[in-house]
Amino acid sequence: MRTKPSAFSVMAVKWPVTAEVDDARLRAHEAPVAQFDGWPGRVAREVLRAIREAGRVSTGDIIEATGRSRLSVRAQLSALESAGLIQWNGHSPKDPRAYWTVKVE
């Protein structure tokens, strides 16, 4: 039985990559991003973890990794980007090579 190859690539990051780090970074940005509590907070953590684990990842790959809807993932990507936790890298909104990365503080 063959397994499907993963679409994720692995990159080294400059800080310990743990759920506690994600939670601390989200708590530090609670004021501008109030939706990190409750259900949206779980989705935000799933999105942030998917980006952190992959190093750099497309929106479609995040949707696949989290099992969440495109609308839900896009909302959390926008909130995480506004909070300065992640960044989008691409040349245009329709760039097929665009990807998300976690911002290093």
Protein backbone atom coordinates (compact mmCIF):
# COMPACT_ATOMS: atom_id res chain seq x y z
CA MET A 1 0.00 0.00 0.00
CA ARG A 2 1.45 3.34 -1.06
CA THR A 3 1.01 6.45 1.02
CA LYS A 4 0.23 9.81 -0.43
CA PRO A 5 3.23 12.17 -0.35
CA SER A 6 2.89 15.15 1.93
CA ALA A 7 2.58 18.61 0.41
CA PHE A 8 4.46 20.12 3.35
CA SER A 9 8.11 21.03 3.40
CA VAL A 10 10.08 21.37 6.62
CA MET A 11 12.12 24.44 7.49
CA ALA A 12 14.14 25.29 10.59
CA VAL A 13 12.80 28.05 12.82
CA LYS A 14 14.63 30.23 15.31
CA TRP A 15 12.62 29.60 18.49
CA PRO A 16 11.21 26.57 20.33
CA VAL A 17 8.17 25.38 18.41
CA THR A 18 5.63 24.30 20.99
CA ALA A 19 1.93 24.76 21.57
CA GLU A 20 2.85 26.87 24.62
CA VAL A 21 4.74 29.30 22.38
CA ASP A 22 1.70 29.55 20.08
CA ASP A 23 -0.61 30.15 23.05
CA ALA A 24 1.71 32.80 24.51
CA ARG A 25 1.95 34.59 21.17
CA LEU A 26 -1.85 34.51 20.76
CA ARG A 27 -2.40 35.81 24.33
CA ALA A 28 0.08 38.62 23.70
CA HIS A 29 -2.07 39.76 20.77
CA GLU A 30 -5.52 39.36 22.40
CA ALA A 31 -6.31 43.07 22.40
CA PRO A 32 -6.29 43.56 18.61
CA VAL A 33 -7.59 40.06 17.92
CA ALA A 34 -10.40 39.31 20.36
CA GLN A 35 -11.64 36.29 18.37
CA PHE A 36 -8.79 34.07 19.65
CA ASP A 37 -11.08 32.90 22.48
CA GLY A 38 -13.35 29.84 22.30
CA TRP A 39 -13.99 28.05 19.00
CA PRO A 40 -12.20 30.64 16.80
CA GLY A 41 -9.21 30.34 19.12
CA ARG A 42 -9.01 26.60 18.49
CA VAL A 43 -9.12 27.18 14.73
CA ALA A 44 -6.46 29.91 15.02
CA ARG A 45 -4.22 27.53 16.98
CA GLU A 46 -4.75 24.77 14.39
CA VAL A 47 -3.87 27.17 11.58
CA LEU A 48 -0.82 28.52 13.41
CA ARG A 49 0.35 24.99 14.23
CA ALA A 50 -0.05 23.87 10.59
CA ILE A 51 2.07 26.81 9.42
CA ARG A 52 4.64 26.31 12.16
CA GLU A 53 5.01 22.58 11.49
CA ALA A 54 5.33 23.02 7.73
CA GLY A 55 7.54 26.12 7.84
CA ARG A 56 5.86 27.52 4.75
CA VAL A 57 2.51 26.38 3.46
CA SER A 58 -0.22 27.40 1.00
CA THR A 59 -3.76 28.27 2.02
CA GLY A 60 -5.05 25.09 0.37
CA ASP A 61 -2.59 22.96 2.32
CA ILE A 62 -3.69 24.60 5.59
CA ILE A 63 -7.32 23.83 4.74
CA GLU A 64 -6.38 20.21 4.05
CA ALA A 65 -4.26 19.90 7.21
CA THR A 66 -6.89 21.37 9.54
CA GLY A 67 -10.00 19.92 7.91
CA ARG A 68 -11.71 23.30 8.30
CA SER A 69 -13.68 25.24 5.69
CA ARG A 70 -11.95 27.72 3.38
CA LEU A 71 -13.99 30.56 4.92
CA SER A 72 -12.99 29.62 8.47
CA VAL A 73 -9.29 29.24 7.59
CA ARG A 74 -9.20 32.50 5.59
CA ALA A 75 -10.80 34.38 8.51
CA GLN A 76 -8.17 33.08 10.94
CA LEU A 77 -5.32 33.70 8.48
CA SER A 78 -6.48 37.30 8.17
CA ALA A 79 -6.73 37.70 11.96
CA LEU A 80 -3.31 36.09 12.56
CA GLU A 81 -1.75 38.27 9.86
CA SER A 82 -3.32 41.43 11.33
CA ALA A 83 -1.93 40.44 14.74
CA GLY A 84 1.53 40.18 13.22
CA LEU A 85 1.94 36.46 13.95
CA ILE A 86 2.16 35.22 10.35
CA GLN A 87 2.98 36.69 6.97
CA TRP A 88 1.85 35.99 3.43
CA ASN A 89 4.52 35.72 0.75
CA GLY A 90 3.43 36.07 -2.86
CA HIS A 91 3.38 38.40 -5.85
CA SER A 92 -0.39 38.76 -6.32
CA PRO A 93 -3.60 37.50 -4.69
CA LYS A 94 -3.86 34.76 -7.34
CA ASP A 95 -0.19 33.70 -7.16
CA PRO A 96 -0.19 29.86 -7.17
CA ARG A 97 3.25 29.82 -5.50
CA ALA A 98 2.16 32.04 -2.58
CA TYR A 99 2.65 30.70 0.92
CA TRP A 100 2.28 31.58 4.62
CA THR A 101 5.07 31.62 7.21
CA VAL A 102 5.22 32.29 10.95
CA LYS A 103 6.85 35.63 11.71
CA VAL A 104 9.96 35.30 13.85
CA GLU A 105 10.07 37.83 16.67
